[in-house]
Amino acid sequence: MLLNVSYTDKKITKKVDEAVGKPFTLKERFALNGIGSPKLFITDANIEIQNLLILDNNLNTCNIEMRPKGIIVRFRSLLETYGLIIPYYKLTVYKGDFAVYSIYKDNYFIKVKSDTKAIQKYFRKFLDYKADNAPTSIEDL
């Protein structure tokens, strides 16, 4: 779900917390060595996100926040902040070309440049967290 998260609204906060869980506590953030990604440069996106990004002339950047049950991909357009809320069970990540990660959720996608070790390390961290905390699948039984 793509939401405008610029302003504090209890309805939107409740939707986000139900989908991806409440934010990690400070102790959990230290245990995970941080939950936020470095600045990611967007190379491509689906038409709905692309229409938001072309409204201004700034660089198309985003960041990712880990939550217990999913991630939030945040980006800015004009003076508004938008968040793509992705629960882990709907998240698909592909390592495509030389240095591009593709993040998919249903009909939404964002492709980001991953040209530094810090970005690759962050993707490995949240994919490992997803795998460790995923519910047991039928094949595992």
Protein backbone atom coordinates (compact mmCIF):
# COMPACT_ATOMS: atom_id res chain seq x y z
CA MET A 1 0.00 0.00 0.00
CA LEU A 2 1.30 3.43 -0.95
CA LEU A 3 0.52 6.10 1.64
CA ASN A 4 1.30 9.76 2.25
CA VAL A 5 3.11 9.62 5.61
CA SER A 6 4.06 13.32 5.80
CA TYR A 7 1.76 14.12 8.70
CA THR A 8 1.01 12.34 11.95
CA ASP A 9 -2.41 10.74 11.49
CA LYS A 10 -3.65 8.06 13.88
CA LYS A 11 -5.54 6.21 11.13
CA ILE A 12 -2.47 5.95 8.88
CA THR A 13 -0.21 5.03 11.81
CA LYS A 14 -2.62 2.26 12.80
CA LYS A 15 -2.72 0.91 9.20
CA VAL A 16 1.08 0.87 9.02
CA ASP A 17 1.47 -0.79 12.44
CA GLU A 18 -1.07 -3.50 11.54
CA ALA A 19 0.67 -4.26 8.24
CA VAL A 20 4.35 -4.26 9.27
CA GLY A 21 4.32 -4.09 13.08
CA LYS A 22 5.29 -1.37 15.52
CA PRO A 23 8.82 0.10 15.29
CA PHE A 24 11.64 -1.80 16.97
CA THR A 25 12.60 -0.77 20.49
CA LEU A 26 15.92 0.95 21.10
CA LYS A 27 17.40 -2.25 22.51
CA GLU A 28 16.35 -4.23 19.41
CA ARG A 29 17.79 -1.53 17.14
CA PHE A 30 21.16 -1.85 18.85
CA ALA A 31 20.99 -5.66 18.60
CA LEU A 32 20.32 -5.37 14.84
CA ASN A 33 23.06 -2.73 14.36
CA GLY A 34 20.50 -0.27 13.02
CA ILE A 35 17.28 -0.71 11.09
CA GLY A 36 17.57 2.01 8.44
CA SER A 37 19.25 1.82 5.07
CA PRO A 38 21.72 4.26 3.59
CA LYS A 39 20.42 6.64 0.89
CA LEU A 40 19.29 4.59 -2.11
CA PHE A 41 19.09 6.06 -5.62
CA ILE A 42 15.95 5.01 -7.52
CA THR A 43 16.66 3.91 -11.10
CA ASP A 44 13.15 2.74 -12.03
CA ALA A 45 9.68 2.38 -10.52
CA ASN A 46 6.14 1.44 -11.53
CA ILE A 47 3.98 4.10 -13.17
CA GLU A 48 2.17 5.25 -10.01
CA ILE A 49 5.40 5.89 -8.10
CA GLN A 50 7.10 7.30 -11.20
CA ASN A 51 4.29 9.85 -11.58
CA LEU A 52 4.97 11.05 -8.03
CA LEU A 53 8.74 11.21 -8.56
CA ILE A 54 8.62 13.33 -11.73
CA LEU A 55 6.67 16.12 -10.01
CA ASP A 56 9.90 17.74 -8.80
CA ASN A 57 13.43 18.11 -10.15
CA ASN A 58 15.26 16.57 -7.18
CA LEU A 59 17.25 13.35 -7.27
CA ASN A 60 15.03 10.31 -6.89
CA THR A 61 16.17 8.78 -3.61
CA CYS A 62 14.59 6.57 -1.00
CA ASN A 63 15.41 4.72 2.19
CA ILE A 64 14.17 1.53 3.79
CA GLU A 65 13.10 1.01 7.39
CA MET A 66 12.91 -2.50 8.82
CA ARG A 67 9.94 -3.40 10.99
CA PRO A 68 9.18 -6.72 12.75
CA LYS A 69 6.70 -7.88 10.06
CA GLY A 70 7.86 -5.96 6.99
CA ILE A 71 9.63 -2.94 5.55
CA ILE A 72 8.70 0.63 4.67
CA VAL A 73 10.27 2.22 1.58
CA ARG A 74 10.09 6.00 2.01
CA PHE A 75 10.67 8.61 -0.69
CA ARG A 76 9.92 12.31 -1.11
CA SER A 77 8.07 14.15 -3.83
CA LEU A 78 7.55 17.91 -3.72
CA LEU A 79 7.22 18.57 0.02
CA GLU A 80 5.42 15.31 0.83
CA THR A 81 6.83 12.00 2.12
CA TYR A 82 5.36 8.78 0.75
CA GLY A 83 5.78 5.28 2.13
CA LEU A 84 5.41 1.97 0.34
CA ILE A 85 4.40 -0.44 3.11
CA ILE A 86 5.46 -4.02 2.32
CA PRO A 87 4.78 -6.96 4.67
CA TYR A 88 7.45 -9.68 4.45
CA TYR A 89 4.99 -12.22 3.03
CA LYS A 90 4.39 -9.96 0.00
CA LEU A 91 8.01 -8.84 -0.40
CA THR A 92 10.13 -10.08 -3.29
CA VAL A 93 13.68 -8.86 -3.87
CA TYR A 94 15.68 -9.56 -7.02
CA LYS A 95 19.34 -8.82 -7.63
CA GLY A 96 19.23 -7.85 -11.27
CA ASP A 97 21.88 -6.14 -13.35
CA PHE A 98 25.37 -5.28 -12.17
CA ALA A 99 24.36 -3.16 -9.17
CA VAL A 100 20.55 -3.01 -9.08
CA TYR A 101 18.15 -4.45 -6.50
CA SER A 102 14.45 -4.70 -7.43
CA ILE A 103 11.89 -4.55 -4.62
CA TYR A 104 8.45 -5.89 -5.56
CA LYS A 105 5.08 -5.94 -3.83
CA ASP A 106 2.04 -6.94 -5.89
CA ASN A 107 1.82 -4.31 -8.68
CA TYR A 108 4.39 -1.93 -7.11
CA PHE A 109 8.12 -2.07 -7.73
CA ILE A 110 11.16 0.09 -7.10
CA LYS A 111 14.63 -0.55 -8.52
CA VAL A 112 17.54 0.92 -6.58
CA LYS A 113 21.23 1.25 -7.33
CA SER A 114 23.43 -0.84 -5.01
CA ASP A 115 26.91 0.32 -5.88
CA THR A 116 28.41 0.30 -2.36
CA LYS A 117 29.17 -2.47 0.11
CA ALA A 118 27.03 -0.76 2.78
CA ILE A 119 23.91 -1.06 0.63
CA GLN A 120 24.60 -4.71 -0.21
CA LYS A 121 25.23 -5.44 3.48
CA TYR A 122 21.93 -3.79 4.42
CA PHE A 123 19.96 -5.86 1.89
CA ARG A 124 21.61 -9.02 3.21
CA LYS A 125 20.68 -8.01 6.78
CA PHE A 126 16.99 -7.47 6.14
CA LEU A 127 16.68 -10.55 3.91
CA ASP A 128 18.30 -12.65 6.65
CA TYR A 129 15.92 -11.13 9.21
CA LYS A 130 12.99 -11.96 6.93
CA ALA A 131 14.16 -15.58 6.59
CA ASP A 132 14.78 -16.02 10.33
CA ASN A 133 11.39 -14.65 11.36
CA ALA A 134 9.22 -16.12 8.62
CA PRO A 135 6.48 -18.50 9.74
CA THR A 136 7.14 -22.20 9.23
CA SER A 137 6.17 -23.27 5.74
CA ILE A 138 4.40 -26.53 4.92
CA GLU A 139 7.50 -27.89 3.16
CA ASP A 140 9.49 -27.60 6.43
CA LEU A 141 7.07 -29.86 8.32
